[in-house]
N, C-alpha and C. Protein backbone atom coordinates (compact mmCIF):
# COMPACT_ATOMS: atom_id res chain seq x y z
N MET A 1 258.13 194.51 85.91
CA MET A 1 258.31 195.44 84.87
C MET A 1 257.32 195.03 83.58
N ASN A 2 256.91 196.03 82.93
CA ASN A 2 255.59 195.57 82.11
C ASN A 2 256.19 195.07 80.70
N ASN A 3 255.38 194.50 80.12
CA ASN A 3 255.71 193.79 78.66
C ASN A 3 255.78 194.81 77.77
N THR A 4 257.03 195.08 77.04
CA THR A 4 257.40 195.73 76.30
C THR A 4 256.65 195.41 74.63
N HIS A 5 256.49 194.09 74.33
CA HIS A 5 256.12 193.61 73.04
C HIS A 5 254.87 193.40 73.19
N GLU A 6 254.26 194.41 72.44
CA GLU A 6 252.53 194.35 72.55
C GLU A 6 252.42 195.65 71.21
N SER A 7 251.06 195.75 71.00
CA SER A 7 250.74 196.76 70.36
C SER A 7 251.12 198.12 70.45
N SER A 8 251.73 198.79 69.63
CA SER A 8 252.10 200.21 69.69
C SER A 8 250.90 201.07 69.20
N PHE A 9 250.97 202.24 70.12
CA PHE A 9 250.11 203.39 69.93
C PHE A 9 250.66 204.54 69.49
N CYS A 10 250.13 205.78 69.30
CA CYS A 10 250.51 206.94 69.01
C CYS A 10 249.88 208.06 69.40
N LEU A 11 250.26 209.35 69.46
CA LEU A 11 249.65 210.41 69.60
C LEU A 11 250.00 211.28 68.46
N ILE A 12 249.11 211.50 67.57
CA ILE A 12 249.15 212.52 66.34
C ILE A 12 248.55 213.70 66.30
N ALA A 13 249.23 214.69 65.81
CA ALA A 13 248.86 215.99 66.07
C ALA A 13 247.80 216.71 65.12
N VAL A 14 246.45 216.66 65.24
CA VAL A 14 245.53 217.04 64.49
C VAL A 14 245.40 218.65 64.08
N SER A 15 245.62 219.35 65.02
CA SER A 15 245.55 220.77 64.84
C SER A 15 246.44 221.76 65.67
N GLY A 16 246.71 222.88 65.56
CA GLY A 16 247.66 223.58 66.20
C GLY A 16 249.04 223.50 65.62
N ASP A 17 250.02 223.78 66.38
CA ASP A 17 251.47 224.22 65.65
C ASP A 17 251.98 223.32 65.22
N MET A 18 252.05 221.99 65.74
CA MET A 18 252.54 220.76 65.36
C MET A 18 251.91 219.78 64.16
N SER A 19 250.78 220.25 64.11
CA SER A 19 249.89 219.44 63.01
C SER A 19 250.00 220.03 61.52
N SER A 20 249.31 219.16 60.51
CA SER A 20 249.81 219.82 59.22
C SER A 20 248.89 220.86 58.70
N LYS A 21 248.23 221.37 59.85
CA LYS A 21 247.63 222.86 59.68
C LYS A 21 248.05 223.87 60.46
N GLY A 22 249.50 223.65 60.92
CA GLY A 22 249.76 224.53 61.72
C GLY A 22 251.41 224.96 60.92
N MET A 23 252.60 224.86 61.72
CA MET A 23 253.95 225.33 61.21
C MET A 23 254.69 225.02 60.01
N SER A 24 253.76 223.62 59.70
CA SER A 24 254.16 222.94 58.30
C SER A 24 253.20 222.26 57.67
N ASP A 25 253.68 221.16 56.77
CA ASP A 25 252.28 220.59 56.03
C ASP A 25 252.33 219.09 56.69
N THR A 26 253.18 218.92 57.66
CA THR A 26 253.18 217.33 58.14
C THR A 26 252.93 217.68 59.55
N SER A 27 252.11 216.32 59.80
CA SER A 27 251.89 215.97 61.35
C SER A 27 252.82 215.81 62.10
N SER A 28 253.12 215.79 63.42
CA SER A 28 253.78 215.22 64.39
C SER A 28 253.49 214.29 64.87
N VAL A 29 254.23 212.76 65.02
CA VAL A 29 253.53 211.58 65.83
C VAL A 29 254.33 211.19 66.71
N ILE A 30 253.99 210.63 68.05
CA ILE A 30 254.78 210.36 69.01
C ILE A 30 254.39 208.98 69.42
N VAL A 31 255.25 207.65 69.52
CA VAL A 31 255.12 206.40 69.43
C VAL A 31 255.43 206.14 71.04
N PHE A 32 254.46 205.20 71.29
CA PHE A 32 254.68 204.45 72.68
C PHE A 32 254.00 203.16 72.67
N ASN A 33 254.37 202.44 73.92
CA ASN A 33 253.31 201.36 74.45
C ASN A 33 252.89 201.52 75.62
N SER A 34 252.05 200.80 75.85
CA SER A 34 250.72 200.94 77.13
C SER A 34 251.46 201.07 78.21
N GLU A 35 252.76 201.19 78.52
CA GLU A 35 253.36 201.68 79.83
C GLU A 35 252.66 202.96 79.90
N TYR A 36 252.82 203.64 79.20
CA TYR A 36 252.34 205.17 79.45
C TYR A 36 250.78 205.49 79.04
N ARG A 37 250.24 204.42 79.67
CA ARG A 37 248.86 204.46 79.36
C ARG A 37 247.90 205.61 80.40
N ASP A 38 248.52 205.34 81.48
CA ASP A 38 247.90 206.20 82.75
C ASP A 38 248.05 207.61 82.52
N LEU A 39 249.33 208.14 82.20
CA LEU A 39 249.64 209.51 81.82
C LEU A 39 248.95 209.83 80.68
N VAL A 40 249.21 209.42 79.68
CA VAL A 40 248.58 209.56 78.17
C VAL A 40 247.12 209.94 78.40
N THR A 41 246.45 208.65 79.16
CA THR A 41 244.81 209.23 79.37
C THR A 41 244.55 210.26 80.30
N LYS A 42 245.39 210.40 81.11
CA LYS A 42 245.27 211.97 82.04
C LYS A 42 245.43 213.06 81.33
N PHE A 43 246.42 212.97 80.65
CA PHE A 43 246.53 214.19 79.26
C PHE A 43 245.68 214.46 78.79
N LEU A 44 245.12 213.30 78.04
CA LEU A 44 243.89 213.50 76.91
C LEU A 44 242.82 214.11 77.71
N ILE A 45 242.45 213.46 78.69
CA ILE A 45 241.21 214.22 79.44
C ILE A 45 241.25 215.39 79.95
N ALA A 46 242.46 215.94 80.18
CA ALA A 46 242.63 217.42 80.52
C ALA A 46 242.80 218.03 79.34
N GLN A 47 243.14 217.64 78.30
CA GLN A 47 243.10 218.23 76.94
C GLN A 47 241.58 218.61 76.37
N ALA A 48 240.83 217.69 76.57
CA ALA A 48 239.24 217.71 76.56
C ALA A 48 238.68 218.45 77.12
N LYS A 49 238.91 218.39 78.71
CA LYS A 49 238.34 219.37 79.53
C LYS A 49 238.94 220.47 79.13
N ARG A 50 239.92 221.04 79.06
CA ARG A 50 240.04 222.44 78.74
C ARG A 50 239.51 222.95 77.49
N ASN A 51 239.20 221.89 76.29
CA ASN A 51 238.97 222.56 75.12
C ASN A 51 237.34 222.94 75.47
N ALA A 52 236.72 221.83 76.35
CA ALA A 52 234.95 222.00 76.38
C ALA A 52 234.86 223.35 77.20
N VAL A 53 235.88 223.46 78.27
CA VAL A 53 235.75 224.67 79.11
C VAL A 53 235.66 225.98 78.30
N ASN A 54 236.96 226.18 77.41
CA ASN A 54 237.40 227.32 76.68
C ASN A 54 236.12 227.48 75.54
N MET A 55 235.47 226.44 75.32
CA MET A 55 234.26 226.65 73.97
C MET A 55 233.06 227.13 74.62
N PHE A 56 232.53 226.46 75.76
CA PHE A 56 231.56 227.13 76.49
C PHE A 56 231.70 228.48 77.06
N ASN A 57 232.84 228.83 77.39
CA ASN A 57 233.32 230.28 77.88
C ASN A 57 233.45 231.09 76.92
N VAL A 58 233.59 230.99 75.69
CA VAL A 58 233.75 231.77 74.76
C VAL A 58 232.89 233.22 74.47
N ASP A 59 231.56 232.96 74.56
CA ASP A 59 230.86 233.87 74.50
C ASP A 59 230.73 234.67 75.49
N LEU A 60 231.07 234.05 76.90
CA LEU A 60 231.31 235.05 78.31
C LEU A 60 232.47 235.70 78.13
N ILE A 61 233.52 235.61 77.55
CA ILE A 61 234.54 236.16 77.62
C ILE A 61 234.60 237.17 76.58
N LEU A 62 234.07 237.25 75.50
CA LEU A 62 233.80 238.19 74.50
C LEU A 62 232.96 239.49 75.28
N THR A 63 231.59 238.59 75.92
CA THR A 63 230.79 239.79 76.19
C THR A 63 231.14 240.18 78.02
N GLY A 64 232.13 239.67 78.11
CA GLY A 64 232.61 240.15 79.45
C GLY A 64 231.65 239.39 80.92
N GLY A 65 230.91 238.28 80.38
CA GLY A 65 229.98 238.02 81.62
C GLY A 65 230.50 236.72 82.00
N LEU A 66 231.97 236.48 82.45
CA LEU A 66 232.54 235.39 82.92
C LEU A 66 232.42 235.67 84.27
N THR A 67 231.92 234.67 85.21
CA THR A 67 231.74 234.75 86.47
C THR A 67 233.19 234.78 87.41
N ASP A 68 233.31 234.68 88.42
CA ASP A 68 234.64 234.06 89.33
C ASP A 68 234.52 232.87 89.24
N GLU A 69 233.49 232.32 89.47
CA GLU A 69 233.42 230.71 89.74
C GLU A 69 234.06 230.24 88.02
N GLN A 70 233.58 230.96 87.24
CA GLN A 70 233.73 230.32 85.87
C GLN A 70 235.06 230.48 85.57
N ARG A 71 235.60 231.78 85.76
CA ARG A 71 237.04 231.97 85.63
C ARG A 71 238.19 231.20 86.65
N ILE A 72 237.75 231.06 87.69
CA ILE A 72 238.84 229.75 88.62
C ILE A 72 238.44 228.71 88.11
N GLU A 73 237.35 228.14 87.67
CA GLU A 73 237.47 226.96 86.95
C GLU A 73 238.16 226.88 85.76
N SER A 74 238.08 227.77 84.97
CA SER A 74 238.87 227.90 83.67
C SER A 74 240.55 227.83 84.02
N GLU A 75 241.04 228.61 84.73
CA GLU A 75 242.30 228.41 85.32
C GLU A 75 242.80 227.18 85.72
N ALA A 76 241.88 226.22 86.87
CA ALA A 76 242.23 225.34 87.24
C ALA A 76 242.44 223.88 85.80
N VAL A 77 241.29 224.31 85.07
CA VAL A 77 241.33 223.45 83.94
C VAL A 77 242.67 223.29 82.98
N LYS A 78 243.28 224.82 83.15
CA LYS A 78 244.40 225.39 82.20
C LYS A 78 245.56 224.71 82.94
N ALA A 79 245.52 224.84 84.24
CA ALA A 79 246.96 224.61 85.36
C ALA A 79 246.93 223.14 85.13
N GLU A 80 246.13 222.13 85.29
CA GLU A 80 245.85 220.61 84.85
C GLU A 80 246.25 220.14 83.81
N TYR A 81 245.89 220.77 82.63
CA TYR A 81 246.36 220.47 81.41
C TYR A 81 248.39 220.62 81.12
N TYR A 82 248.35 221.98 81.71
CA TYR A 82 250.02 222.42 81.47
C TYR A 82 250.83 221.39 82.31
N ASN A 83 250.02 221.39 83.61
CA ASN A 83 251.07 220.21 84.51
C ASN A 83 251.01 218.71 83.77
N LEU A 84 250.07 218.25 83.32
CA LEU A 84 250.51 217.00 82.89
C LEU A 84 250.76 217.20 81.49
N PHE A 85 251.02 218.02 80.69
CA PHE A 85 252.22 218.39 79.52
C PHE A 85 253.47 218.40 79.97
N GLN A 86 253.62 219.15 81.22
CA GLN A 86 255.27 219.11 81.52
C GLN A 86 255.76 217.63 82.06
N GLU A 87 254.76 216.90 82.65
CA GLU A 87 255.08 215.46 83.20
C GLU A 87 255.48 214.95 81.91
N LEU A 88 254.89 214.70 80.74
CA LEU A 88 255.04 214.11 79.44
C LEU A 88 256.10 214.59 78.84
N LYS A 89 256.48 215.94 79.10
CA LYS A 89 257.67 216.53 78.47
C LYS A 89 258.57 216.20 79.18
N ASN A 90 258.98 215.93 80.59
CA ASN A 90 260.23 215.64 81.18
C ASN A 90 260.54 214.22 80.94
N ILE A 91 259.68 213.47 80.30
CA ILE A 91 259.98 212.07 79.92
C ILE A 91 260.19 211.74 78.40
N GLY A 92 260.12 212.82 77.76
CA GLY A 92 260.36 212.67 76.40
C GLY A 92 259.27 212.82 75.40
N PHE A 93 258.10 212.73 75.76
CA PHE A 93 257.08 212.79 75.03
C PHE A 93 257.29 214.10 74.00
N PHE A 94 257.16 215.32 74.71
CA PHE A 94 257.10 216.37 73.92
C PHE A 94 258.46 217.09 74.23
N SER A 95 258.71 217.89 73.51
CA SER A 95 260.09 218.66 73.53
C SER A 95 260.18 220.29 73.47
N SER A 96 258.88 220.90 73.23
CA SER A 96 258.82 222.16 73.35
C SER A 96 257.31 222.78 73.44
N LYS A 97 257.09 223.89 73.72
CA LYS A 97 256.18 224.88 73.43
C LYS A 97 255.04 224.76 72.80
N TYR A 98 255.27 224.49 71.53
CA TYR A 98 254.45 224.29 70.21
C TYR A 98 254.07 222.96 70.28
N ASP A 99 254.40 221.94 71.08
CA ASP A 99 253.55 220.91 71.39
C ASP A 99 252.48 220.84 72.30
N ALA A 100 252.40 222.09 73.57
CA ALA A 100 251.38 222.60 74.20
C ALA A 100 250.29 223.39 73.40
N ARG A 101 250.74 223.78 72.55
CA ARG A 101 249.77 224.50 71.39
C ARG A 101 249.22 223.63 70.46
N THR A 102 248.93 222.40 70.55
CA THR A 102 248.72 221.05 69.61
C THR A 102 247.43 220.49 70.20
N GLU A 103 246.86 220.01 69.23
CA GLU A 103 245.56 219.31 69.93
C GLU A 103 246.14 217.61 69.39
N TRP A 104 246.15 216.86 70.27
CA TRP A 104 246.61 215.55 70.08
C TRP A 104 245.33 214.46 69.95
N GLU A 105 245.47 213.49 69.04
CA GLU A 105 244.71 212.77 69.19
C GLU A 105 245.16 210.99 69.38
N LEU A 106 244.61 210.12 69.93
CA LEU A 106 245.29 208.80 70.21
C LEU A 106 244.92 207.81 69.01
N THR A 107 245.81 206.95 68.60
CA THR A 107 245.31 206.07 67.60
C THR A 107 246.39 204.82 67.71
N ILE A 108 246.49 203.77 67.10
CA ILE A 108 247.13 202.53 66.71
C ILE A 108 248.21 203.20 65.79
N PHE A 109 249.37 202.85 66.22
CA PHE A 109 250.65 203.05 65.24
C PHE A 109 250.49 201.70 64.12
N GLU A 110 249.52 201.72 63.10
CA GLU A 110 249.80 201.45 61.92
C GLU A 110 249.59 202.35 60.90
N ASP A 111 250.22 201.89 59.62
CA ASP A 111 249.96 202.53 58.48
C ASP A 111 248.61 203.05 58.05
N ASP A 112 247.67 201.83 58.09
CA ASP A 112 246.27 202.09 57.71
C ASP A 112 245.61 203.01 58.35
N GLU A 113 245.90 203.15 59.77
CA GLU A 113 245.34 204.11 60.72
C GLU A 113 245.85 205.39 60.69
N LEU A 114 247.30 205.52 60.36
CA LEU A 114 247.74 207.08 60.12
C LEU A 114 247.31 207.54 58.89
N ASP A 115 247.38 206.82 57.75
CA ASP A 115 247.09 207.33 56.16
C ASP A 115 245.83 208.17 56.29
N GLN A 116 244.87 208.02 57.23
CA GLN A 116 243.86 209.09 57.18
C GLN A 116 244.17 210.61 57.73
N TYR A 117 245.12 210.36 58.11
CA TYR A 117 245.48 211.93 58.59
C TYR A 117 246.52 212.55 57.77
N GLY A 118 246.89 212.08 56.44
CA GLY A 118 247.76 212.61 55.63
C GLY A 118 249.08 212.58 56.10
N LYS A 119 249.67 213.71 55.70
CA LYS A 119 251.63 213.45 55.66
C LYS A 119 251.56 213.42 57.25
N TYR A 120 252.47 212.44 57.65
CA TYR A 120 252.97 212.96 58.92
C TYR A 120 254.57 212.30 59.36
N LYS A 121 255.10 212.58 60.18
CA LYS A 121 256.62 212.00 60.50
C LYS A 121 256.58 211.74 62.22
N ILE A 122 257.42 210.55 62.36
CA ILE A 122 257.64 210.48 63.92
C ILE A 122 258.73 211.21 64.33
N ASP A 123 258.17 212.08 65.41
CA ASP A 123 259.13 213.15 66.13
C ASP A 123 259.62 212.37 67.12
N ALA A 124 259.28 211.19 68.02
CA ALA A 124 259.66 210.37 69.02
C ALA A 124 258.94 209.20 68.93
N ASP A 125 260.15 208.31 69.49
CA ASP A 125 259.59 206.89 69.71
C ASP A 125 260.27 206.64 71.14
N LEU A 126 258.80 206.16 71.64
CA LEU A 126 259.22 205.82 73.35
C LEU A 126 259.05 204.29 73.89
N ARG A 127 258.82 203.61 72.59
CA ARG A 127 258.96 201.96 72.57
C ARG A 127 260.19 201.63 73.13
N VAL A 128 260.24 200.82 73.92
CA VAL A 128 261.70 200.12 74.77
C VAL A 128 262.14 198.75 73.80
N VAL A 129 263.28 198.94 73.36
CA VAL A 129 263.92 197.80 73.07
C VAL A 129 265.28 197.52 74.08
N GLU A 130 265.32 196.06 73.82
CA GLU A 130 266.57 195.90 74.61
C GLU A 130 267.89 196.13 73.68
N VAL A 131 269.12 196.38 74.28
CA VAL A 131 270.16 196.75 73.82
C VAL A 131 271.31 196.14 73.95
N GLU A 132 272.60 195.87 73.23
CA GLU A 132 273.50 195.11 73.55
C GLU A 132 274.32 195.46 74.92
N LYS A 133 274.42 194.39 75.77
CA LYS A 133 275.09 194.86 77.15
C LYS A 133 276.07 195.38 76.98
N SER A 134 277.63 195.08 76.08
CA SER A 134 278.79 195.39 75.69
C SER A 134 278.72 196.77 75.30
N GLU A 135 277.90 197.17 74.42
CA GLU A 135 277.72 198.45 73.96
C GLU A 135 277.39 199.62 74.83
N THR A 136 276.53 199.10 75.78
CA THR A 136 275.97 200.20 76.73
C THR A 136 277.05 200.28 78.00
N GLN A 137 277.80 199.41 78.17
CA GLN A 137 278.67 199.16 79.39
C GLN A 137 279.89 200.18 78.74
N THR A 138 280.23 200.07 77.52
CA THR A 138 281.12 201.01 76.93
C THR A 138 280.83 202.51 77.27
N ASN A 139 279.66 202.57 76.62
CA ASN A 139 279.05 203.88 76.66
C ASN A 139 279.16 204.31 78.27
N LEU A 140 278.60 203.88 79.22
CA LEU A 140 278.48 204.39 80.48
C LEU A 140 279.88 204.33 81.01
N SER A 141 280.62 203.43 80.73
CA SER A 141 282.39 203.38 81.23
C SER A 141 282.84 204.93 80.84
N GLU A 142 282.67 205.03 79.48
CA GLU A 142 283.31 206.18 78.98
C GLU A 142 282.81 207.62 79.46
N ARG A 143 281.60 207.66 80.02
CA ARG A 143 280.91 208.81 80.64
C ARG A 143 281.24 208.74 81.86
N TRP A 144 281.41 207.91 82.71
CA TRP A 144 281.87 207.89 84.16
C TRP A 144 283.17 207.87 84.45
N GLY A 145 284.02 207.56 83.64
CA GLY A 145 285.45 207.35 83.75
C GLY A 145 285.83 206.51 84.53
N LYS A 146 285.14 205.20 84.62
CA LYS A 146 285.53 203.74 85.24
C LYS A 146 284.76 202.84 84.33
N LYS A 147 285.00 201.46 85.00
CA LYS A 147 284.55 200.64 84.55
C LYS A 147 282.85 200.23 85.01
N ILE A 148 282.22 200.33 84.19
CA ILE A 148 280.64 200.32 84.74
C ILE A 148 280.37 198.74 84.47
N GLU A 149 279.62 198.06 85.25
CA GLU A 149 279.18 196.39 84.66
C GLU A 149 277.75 196.36 85.04
N ILE A 150 276.98 195.99 84.02
CA ILE A 150 275.50 196.09 84.19
C ILE A 150 275.40 194.55 83.86
N GLN A 151 273.76 194.32 84.13
CA GLN A 151 273.31 193.19 84.07
C GLN A 151 272.49 193.16 82.86
N LYS A 152 271.70 194.19 82.28
CA LYS A 152 271.10 194.16 80.85
C LYS A 152 270.81 195.89 80.70
N ALA A 153 270.42 196.01 79.59
CA ALA A 153 270.05 197.23 79.30
C ALA A 153 268.72 197.60 78.13
N TYR A 154 268.18 198.59 78.23
CA TYR A 154 266.95 198.75 77.40
C TYR A 154 267.01 200.24 76.99
N LYS A 155 266.47 200.65 75.56
CA LYS A 155 266.55 202.09 75.56
C LYS A 155 265.24 202.23 74.88
N ASN A 156 265.06 203.68 74.71
CA ASN A 156 264.36 204.14 73.71
C ASN A 156 264.97 205.54 73.34
N ASP A 157 263.98 206.39 72.55
CA ASP A 157 264.58 207.64 71.86
C ASP A 157 265.36 208.51 72.97
N LYS A 158 264.91 208.43 73.82
CA LYS A 158 265.28 209.48 75.10
C LYS A 158 266.03 208.83 75.92
N TRP A 159 265.93 207.59 76.75
CA TRP A 159 266.70 207.14 77.82
C TRP A 159 267.44 205.77 77.55
N TYR A 160 268.47 205.60 78.51
CA TYR A 160 268.82 204.16 78.68
C TYR A 160 268.08 203.98 80.16
N PHE A 161 267.59 202.21 80.06
CA PHE A 161 267.23 201.86 81.33
C PHE A 161 267.82 200.76 81.68
N VAL A 162 268.96 201.03 82.56
CA VAL A 162 269.99 200.17 82.79
C VAL A 162 269.85 199.39 84.34
N HIS A 163 270.04 198.05 84.02
CA HIS A 163 269.71 197.24 85.40
C HIS A 163 271.00 196.92 85.74
N ALA A 164 271.57 197.32 86.96
CA ALA A 164 272.84 197.32 87.73
C ALA A 164 273.03 197.47 88.98
N LYS A 165 273.91 196.99 89.41
CA LYS A 165 274.28 197.15 91.01
C LYS A 165 274.41 198.59 91.36
N GLU A 166 273.91 198.67 92.65
CA GLU A 166 273.88 200.44 93.35
C GLU A 166 275.39 200.88 93.05
N SER A 167 276.39 199.80 93.55
CA SER A 167 277.74 200.26 93.77
C SER A 167 278.52 200.67 92.14
N ASN A 168 277.84 200.49 91.40
CA ASN A 168 278.32 200.76 89.76
C ASN A 168 278.38 202.65 90.18
N PHE A 169 277.33 202.90 90.51
CA PHE A 169 276.90 204.56 90.09
C PHE A 169 276.92 205.15 91.77
N TYR A 170 276.85 204.73 92.80
CA TYR A 170 276.84 205.34 94.10
C TYR A 170 278.31 204.89 95.01
N ASN A 171 278.36 205.95 95.95
CA ASN A 171 279.39 205.65 96.77
C ASN A 171 279.15 204.85 97.59
N THR A 172 278.78 203.04 97.38
CA THR A 172 278.47 202.20 98.20
C THR A 172 278.99 200.86 97.94
N LYS A 173 278.99 199.97 98.63
CA LYS A 173 278.97 198.58 98.49
C LYS A 173 278.14 197.60 98.13
N SER A 174 276.90 198.33 98.18
CA SER A 174 275.67 197.46 98.17
C SER A 174 275.38 196.68 96.61
N ASN A 175 275.41 195.45 96.77
CA ASN A 175 274.74 194.68 95.44
C ASN A 175 273.44 194.79 95.13
N LYS A 176 272.78 195.60 95.84
CA LYS A 176 271.40 195.70 95.39
C LYS A 176 271.12 196.04 94.16
N VAL A 177 270.42 195.53 93.19
CA VAL A 177 270.14 195.62 91.70
C VAL A 177 269.03 196.84 91.75
N ARG A 178 269.03 197.93 90.85
CA ARG A 178 268.24 198.89 90.82
C ARG A 178 268.21 198.98 89.33
N ILE A 179 267.04 200.13 88.62
CA ILE A 179 267.09 200.36 87.37
C ILE A 179 267.35 201.68 87.15
N PHE A 180 268.45 201.98 86.51
CA PHE A 180 268.73 203.43 86.45
C PHE A 180 268.25 204.13 84.98
N THR A 181 267.50 205.26 85.26
CA THR A 181 267.42 205.70 83.90
C THR A 181 268.39 206.81 83.84
N ILE A 182 268.92 206.75 82.48
CA ILE A 182 270.26 207.42 82.19
C ILE A 182 270.06 208.21 80.61
N PRO A 183 270.17 209.54 80.49
CA PRO A 183 270.14 210.18 79.10
C PRO A 183 270.55 209.88 78.35
N ARG A 184 270.19 209.53 76.90
CA ARG A 184 270.92 209.23 75.87
C ARG A 184 271.06 210.61 75.00
N LEU A 185 270.03 211.42 75.18
CA LEU A 185 269.86 212.65 74.53
C LEU A 185 269.74 213.66 75.61
N THR A 186 270.16 214.93 75.19
CA THR A 186 270.08 216.05 76.19
C THR A 186 268.82 216.67 75.76
N ASP A 187 268.53 217.86 76.32
CA ASP A 187 267.01 218.37 76.10
C ASP A 187 266.89 219.19 74.82
N ASP A 188 268.33 219.45 74.34
CA ASP A 188 268.59 220.05 72.68
C ASP A 188 268.44 218.80 71.96
N GLY A 189 268.07 217.65 72.08
CA GLY A 189 268.58 216.47 71.40
C GLY A 189 269.61 216.04 70.64
N GLU A 190 270.76 216.57 71.35
CA GLU A 190 271.88 216.06 71.07
C GLU A 190 272.49 215.04 71.92
N LYS A 191 273.42 214.15 71.61
CA LYS A 191 273.77 213.00 71.93
C LYS A 191 274.38 213.31 73.37
N CYS A 192 274.16 212.70 74.62
CA CYS A 192 274.39 212.78 75.95
C CYS A 192 275.97 212.21 76.49
N PHE A 193 276.89 212.92 76.88
CA PHE A 193 277.85 212.61 77.32
C PHE A 193 278.41 212.66 78.59
N SER A 194 277.19 213.13 79.24
CA SER A 194 277.64 213.51 80.74
C SER A 194 277.15 212.26 81.50
N ALA A 195 278.06 212.06 82.88
CA ALA A 195 277.45 211.34 83.94
C ALA A 195 276.27 211.40 84.69
N GLU A 196 275.41 211.34 84.29
CA GLU A 196 273.80 211.94 84.65
C GLU A 196 272.64 210.73 85.00
N ILE A 197 272.40 210.47 86.21
CA ILE A 197 271.36 209.68 86.32
C ILE A 197 270.15 210.54 86.78
N TYR A 198 268.93 210.58 85.64
CA TYR A 198 268.05 210.99 86.03
C TYR A 198 267.16 210.37 87.14
N SER A 199 266.86 209.17 87.50
CA SER A 199 266.10 208.57 88.24
C SER A 199 266.36 207.14 88.67
N ASP A 200 266.18 206.32 89.56
CA ASP A 200 266.53 204.79 89.71
C ASP A 200 265.38 204.36 90.48
N HIS A 201 265.10 202.97 90.30
CA HIS A 201 263.74 202.66 90.83
C HIS A 201 264.19 201.10 91.17
N LEU A 202 263.82 200.25 92.27
CA LEU A 202 263.77 198.83 92.14
C LEU A 202 263.19 198.14 91.18
N PRO A 203 263.37 196.97 90.55
CA PRO A 203 262.85 196.65 89.52
C PRO A 203 261.12 196.04 89.58
N LYS A 204 260.77 195.66 90.70
CA LYS A 204 259.31 195.44 91.03
C LYS A 204 258.49 196.87 91.12
N ALA A 205 259.05 197.76 91.44
CA ALA A 205 258.29 199.26 91.29
C ALA A 205 258.63 200.09 90.02
N PHE A 206 259.20 199.37 89.00
CA PHE A 206 259.53 200.20 88.08
C PHE A 206 258.16 200.12 86.89
N ASN A 207 257.96 201.23 86.35
CA ASN A 207 257.43 201.31 85.09
C ASN A 207 257.93 202.39 84.20
N TYR A 208 257.87 201.96 83.07
CA TYR A 208 259.13 202.70 82.09
C TYR A 208 258.31 204.63 81.99
N ALA A 209 257.17 204.59 82.26
CA ALA A 209 256.21 205.82 82.35
C ALA A 209 256.69 206.64 83.63
N ILE A 210 257.48 205.93 84.68
CA ILE A 210 257.99 206.93 85.67
C ILE A 210 259.20 207.13 86.00
N ALA A 211 259.87 206.93 84.40
CA ALA A 211 261.45 207.26 84.33
C ALA A 211 261.55 208.85 84.68
């Protein structure tokens, strides 16, 4: 498992719906650690490619001079962007279509860095912290309607990451320990009360970004 005690990063909305130039005077900020490096990097590259293709094609679109090859390229770049956006939405980075209509920039999560962008607010914090074992066991036992015993648990804004034996959640006698990703919030941002496992992984194969 990756180390979560390190520098924090963030995406800040610099234009579009979720920026201070969009639907409000406040820019949206999403905080995370380097576990998400690969996926965020792919998304930002896809965003840059989409922007570049759109910019170079704007005159051709207006004059009707876009070739079939250029149209195919444009659609492919657009699809890549939205596929990566959906991956980030699935794990809690983004929450709505407005996030897709926003230009995001990567920076260090520090006041001195963020002050240059003006007014902002944190809309999601994907940094992972350890939580009290007893508190998590009580929460999960209430949701599953039986006693759940765990080894330890972590959380971020959206998920619990619970280390526990398979037999706690599955109809098995297996004592193999897995890391279970369990929703803390619903898709509407409300506290989750359902007995639901989003995914599970062996500890050696686990990364918070594949939750």
